[in-house]
Amino acid sequence: MDADNGKLLWSNNWSAGNVANCPTPAYDDGYVSGPNGYGKGGICLKLKKEAEGVKADVAWTTADMVCHHGGYVVQDGYVYGNHDSGWACLDLKTGKKQWFEKAVGKGSLCFADGMLYLFAEKDGVAGLATCSPEGLEVKGKVAVEGKGSSWAHPVVVADGSTSATAPTCIVST
């Protein structure tokens, strides 16, 4: 969408008809990445400015990042995110899977200070992990009290504290 006049610049129907498309697409270095859940997988579009607007070509599609609600981040040319029951890393430009790790299991994440803050959908387990295209290493885990599933995303606050929510509590460290 052109911010000046509202004109549609490009579109893609990859996610049309899917049960739900929870994760927000992310842009980096001319690419728009959009993993989805419910068996759909992910797509990445390469954007190219042309005289008549913007062209969006499919760079790749994948079944290696089926991401429900947990989200993903794009960092230094790689997509790190929830894939089924764990976490995966894909090359942004090629879609090649770099690794898959169980870590805390299916859940949500955020990225700050070179670390992934992971929060499990079930059992209230939060984890802090380093990540690179070579792998993910969980540096520590903590249990968050509460019952039931949580789809909340961890939040890192400027003062260095973290917060996570479960259905019956809010934890801040």
Protein backbone atom coordinates (compact mmCIF):
# COMPACT_ATOMS: atom_id res chain seq x y z
CA MET A 1 0.00 0.00 0.00
CA ASP A 2 1.33 3.43 -0.96
CA ALA A 3 1.42 5.50 2.25
CA ASP A 4 0.85 8.73 0.30
CA ASN A 5 -2.29 7.77 -1.61
CA GLY A 6 -3.50 4.36 -0.39
CA LYS A 7 -2.92 2.70 -3.77
CA LEU A 8 -2.35 -1.05 -3.68
CA LEU A 9 1.25 -1.71 -4.79
CA TRP A 10 1.21 -5.52 -4.78
CA SER A 11 -0.63 -8.48 -3.29
CA ASN A 12 -0.25 -12.21 -2.86
CA ASN A 13 -2.96 -14.78 -2.06
CA TRP A 14 -0.71 -17.40 -0.36
CA SER A 15 -2.61 -17.13 2.94
CA ALA A 16 -6.11 -16.86 1.47
CA GLY A 17 -8.47 -19.48 2.87
CA ASN A 18 -6.14 -20.54 5.69
CA VAL A 19 -7.75 -21.22 9.10
CA ALA A 20 -5.97 -18.21 10.62
CA ASN A 21 -2.96 -16.10 9.70
CA CYS A 22 -1.71 -14.91 13.08
CA PRO A 23 1.95 -13.92 12.55
CA THR A 24 2.54 -10.51 11.00
CA PRO A 25 4.72 -10.52 7.86
CA ALA A 26 8.20 -9.02 8.32
CA TYR A 27 10.34 -7.04 5.88
CA ASP A 28 14.13 -7.06 5.64
CA ASP A 29 16.57 -6.30 2.82
CA GLY A 30 13.97 -6.41 0.04
CA TYR A 31 12.23 -9.56 1.28
CA VAL A 32 8.85 -10.03 2.98
CA SER A 33 8.65 -13.20 5.08
CA GLY A 34 5.31 -14.66 6.12
CA PRO A 35 5.22 -17.99 7.96
CA ASN A 36 1.73 -19.25 8.88
CA GLY A 37 0.26 -22.08 10.88
CA TYR A 38 -2.36 -24.78 10.46
CA GLY A 39 -0.21 -26.74 8.03
CA LYS A 40 0.20 -23.83 5.61
CA GLY A 41 3.91 -23.18 6.09
CA GLY A 42 5.75 -20.09 4.99
CA ILE A 43 6.31 -17.87 2.00
CA CYS A 44 8.92 -15.25 1.23
CA LEU A 45 8.49 -12.59 -1.43
CA LYS A 46 11.28 -10.63 -3.11
CA LEU A 47 10.18 -7.04 -3.70
CA LYS A 48 11.48 -5.07 -6.65
CA LYS A 49 10.68 -1.46 -7.47
CA GLU A 50 9.58 -0.97 -11.07
CA ALA A 51 8.41 2.03 -13.05
CA GLU A 52 4.75 1.12 -12.55
CA GLY A 53 5.08 0.25 -8.85
CA VAL A 54 6.42 -2.71 -6.93
CA LYS A 55 6.70 -6.29 -8.14
CA ALA A 56 6.47 -9.10 -5.55
CA ASP A 57 7.94 -12.39 -6.78
CA VAL A 58 7.84 -15.59 -4.72
CA ALA A 59 11.40 -16.24 -3.53
CA TRP A 60 10.44 -19.50 -1.78
CA THR A 61 7.76 -21.43 0.08
CA THR A 62 8.41 -23.89 2.88
CA ALA A 63 6.92 -26.48 5.18
CA ASP A 64 9.88 -25.93 7.55
CA MET A 65 8.23 -23.06 9.44
CA VAL A 66 4.63 -23.79 10.34
CA CYS A 67 4.10 -20.93 12.77
CA HIS A 68 0.75 -20.65 14.56
CA HIS A 69 0.61 -17.77 17.03
CA GLY A 70 4.17 -17.80 18.30
CA GLY A 71 5.70 -15.58 15.73
CA TYR A 72 9.17 -15.20 14.39
CA VAL A 73 11.87 -12.58 13.99
CA VAL A 74 14.18 -11.71 11.12
CA GLN A 75 17.74 -10.98 12.18
CA ASP A 76 20.89 -10.62 10.06
CA GLY A 77 19.38 -12.40 7.05
CA TYR A 78 17.80 -15.30 8.94
CA VAL A 79 14.26 -16.08 10.08
CA TYR A 80 14.04 -17.49 13.63
CA GLY A 81 10.66 -18.71 14.75
CA ASN A 82 8.19 -21.21 16.07
CA HIS A 83 7.87 -24.32 13.93
CA ASP A 84 5.32 -26.92 15.04
CA SER A 85 6.57 -28.22 18.42
CA GLY A 86 9.82 -26.24 18.57
CA TRP A 87 11.98 -23.60 16.90
CA ALA A 88 13.62 -23.28 13.51
CA CYS A 89 16.00 -21.06 11.57
CA LEU A 90 15.66 -20.40 7.84
CA ASP A 91 17.86 -18.43 5.46
CA LEU A 92 15.77 -15.37 4.52
CA LYS A 93 16.85 -15.30 0.87
CA THR A 94 16.71 -19.04 0.09
CA GLY A 95 14.36 -20.58 2.67
CA LYS A 96 16.95 -23.25 3.46
CA LYS A 97 16.43 -24.73 6.93
CA GLN A 98 19.51 -24.20 9.09
CA TRP A 99 18.29 -26.10 12.16
CA PHE A 100 15.33 -27.22 14.29
CA GLU A 101 15.42 -27.39 18.11
CA LYS A 102 12.77 -28.37 20.65
CA ALA A 103 13.99 -25.88 23.32
CA VAL A 104 10.88 -24.99 25.42
CA GLY A 105 8.46 -26.43 22.86
CA LYS A 106 5.79 -24.64 20.85
CA GLY A 107 5.29 -21.07 21.96
CA SER A 108 6.01 -17.41 21.40
CA LEU A 109 9.15 -15.31 21.28
CA CYS A 110 10.75 -11.92 21.14
CA PHE A 111 14.31 -10.86 20.33
CA ALA A 112 16.47 -8.38 22.27
CA ASP A 113 20.19 -7.89 22.86
CA GLY A 114 21.10 -10.81 20.60
CA MET A 115 18.94 -13.28 22.53
CA LEU A 116 15.65 -15.05 21.91
CA TYR A 117 13.17 -14.88 24.77
CA LEU A 118 11.02 -18.00 24.39
CA PHE A 119 7.73 -18.71 26.17
CA ALA A 120 6.09 -22.12 25.94
CA GLU A 121 2.43 -22.36 25.04
CA LYS A 122 1.94 -24.97 27.77
CA ASP A 123 3.46 -25.56 31.20
CA GLY A 124 4.58 -21.93 31.65
CA VAL A 125 8.22 -22.51 30.72
CA ALA A 126 10.23 -19.48 29.64
CA GLY A 127 13.69 -19.79 28.15
CA LEU A 128 16.52 -17.48 27.19
CA ALA A 129 18.54 -18.61 24.18
CA THR A 130 21.32 -17.49 21.91
CA CYS A 131 20.73 -18.05 18.25
CA SER A 132 22.72 -18.03 15.07
CA PRO A 133 22.49 -19.85 11.76
CA GLU A 134 24.66 -22.55 13.38
CA GLY A 135 22.19 -23.30 16.16
CA LEU A 136 20.14 -22.34 19.18
CA GLU A 137 21.50 -22.72 22.71
CA VAL A 138 19.17 -22.40 25.69
CA LYS A 139 21.09 -20.57 28.44
CA GLY A 140 18.41 -20.95 31.09
CA LYS A 141 14.78 -21.76 31.81
CA VAL A 142 12.31 -20.61 34.41
CA ALA A 143 8.78 -21.75 35.23
CA VAL A 144 5.98 -19.20 35.23
CA GLU A 145 3.12 -19.99 37.57
CA GLY A 146 -0.35 -20.34 36.15
CA LYS A 147 -2.74 -22.82 34.62
CA GLY A 148 -3.77 -23.52 31.07
CA SER A 149 -2.32 -22.48 27.76
CA SER A 150 -0.83 -19.06 27.12
CA TRP A 151 -0.41 -17.37 23.78
CA ALA A 152 1.11 -14.24 25.27
CA HIS A 153 4.44 -13.09 23.91
CA PRO A 154 7.34 -12.27 26.23
CA VAL A 155 8.21 -8.59 26.48
CA VAL A 156 11.64 -7.12 27.21
CA VAL A 157 11.52 -3.69 28.84
CA ALA A 158 14.21 -1.00 28.36
CA ASP A 159 15.45 -1.38 31.94
CA GLY A 160 16.43 -4.99 31.22
CA SER A 161 13.50 -6.67 32.96
CA THR A 162 11.28 -9.20 31.26
CA SER A 163 7.60 -9.96 31.57
CA ALA A 164 5.49 -12.94 30.60
CA THR A 165 1.86 -13.73 31.26
CA ALA A 166 -0.03 -16.90 31.94
CA PRO A 167 -3.84 -17.09 32.29
CA THR A 168 -3.71 -16.67 36.06
CA CYS A 169 -0.71 -14.44 36.66
CA ILE A 170 1.77 -11.89 35.38
CA VAL A 171 5.44 -12.46 36.15
CA SER A 172 8.06 -9.73 36.02
CA THR A 173 11.75 -10.23 36.74
